[in-house]
Amino acid sequence: MRCVACNKLLSDFESTRKSVNTGEYLDLCNHCFHTIQGDAPSTEREDLRDEEIIYDDDDDITDIWTE
């Protein structure tokens, strides 16, 4: 599965993100989803999260790997 915005391959975590309003899969990578997350409430499978992306105020991306 690929991000519909940037065509990046989605992780298992990203590919299971669903819209709360429609129940449809969002098919957006973490970077692209970050731009709309305030307007698009979603459900996520936290058990599949293996990488967390933190965004700072300058939209610089920092990858944090968790166990």
Protein backbone atom coordinates (compact mmCIF):
# COMPACT_ATOMS: atom_id res chain seq x y z
CA MET A 1 0.00 0.00 0.00
CA ARG A 2 1.27 3.51 -0.83
CA CYS A 3 0.49 6.98 0.46
CA VAL A 4 -2.09 8.61 -1.80
CA ALA A 5 -0.36 11.99 -1.38
CA CYS A 6 3.37 11.25 -1.80
CA ASN A 7 3.45 7.62 -3.02
CA LYS A 8 5.68 6.43 -0.13
CA LEU A 9 5.26 2.80 0.98
CA LEU A 10 3.07 2.66 4.09
CA SER A 11 4.06 0.78 7.22
CA ASP A 12 1.57 -1.63 8.79
CA PHE A 13 0.70 1.08 11.30
CA GLU A 14 0.07 3.73 8.62
CA SER A 15 -1.95 1.38 6.41
CA THR A 16 -4.44 0.60 9.19
CA ARG A 17 -5.33 4.25 10.01
CA LYS A 18 -9.07 4.82 9.50
CA SER A 19 -11.29 7.89 9.47
CA VAL A 20 -13.59 8.07 12.49
CA ASN A 21 -16.24 9.82 10.38
CA THR A 22 -16.36 7.52 7.34
CA GLY A 23 -14.70 4.31 8.52
CA GLU A 24 -12.54 4.35 5.37
CA TYR A 25 -8.79 3.84 5.35
CA LEU A 26 -6.90 7.12 4.98
CA ASP A 27 -3.87 5.66 3.14
CA LEU A 28 -1.54 8.47 4.20
CA CYS A 29 1.98 8.19 5.57
CA ASN A 30 2.72 9.80 8.95
CA HIS A 31 4.28 12.85 7.30
CA CYS A 32 1.29 13.55 5.03
CA PHE A 33 -1.26 12.67 7.73
CA HIS A 34 0.39 15.19 10.07
CA THR A 35 -0.79 18.02 7.80
CA ILE A 36 -4.48 17.06 8.21
CA GLN A 37 -4.65 15.28 11.56
CA GLY A 38 -6.42 18.22 13.26
CA ASP A 39 -9.21 18.05 10.68
CA ALA A 40 -9.43 14.28 10.24
CA PRO A 41 -10.04 12.33 13.44
CA SER A 42 -8.82 8.78 13.05
CA THR A 43 -8.39 5.46 14.77
CA GLU A 44 -4.99 3.81 14.76
CA ARG A 45 -3.64 0.39 15.69
CA GLU A 46 -1.17 1.39 18.41
CA ASP A 47 0.00 -2.23 18.68
CA LEU A 48 1.49 -1.86 15.18
CA ARG A 49 3.37 1.35 15.90
CA ASP A 50 7.12 0.72 15.69
CA GLU A 51 8.24 4.16 14.61
CA GLU A 52 7.02 7.46 15.95
CA ILE A 53 7.45 10.70 14.08
CA ILE A 54 7.61 13.89 16.13
CA TYR A 55 6.99 17.21 14.45
CA ASP A 56 8.31 20.43 15.91
CA ASP A 57 7.02 23.95 15.25
CA ASP A 58 9.25 24.33 12.18
CA ASP A 59 7.84 21.14 10.58
CA ASP A 60 11.25 19.49 10.86
CA ILE A 61 10.81 15.77 11.27
CA THR A 62 12.60 13.71 13.87
CA ASP A 63 12.38 9.92 13.78
CA ILE A 64 12.33 8.19 17.14
CA TRP A 65 12.66 4.43 17.11
CA THR A 66 10.96 2.58 19.92
CA GLU A 67 11.16 -1.04 20.93
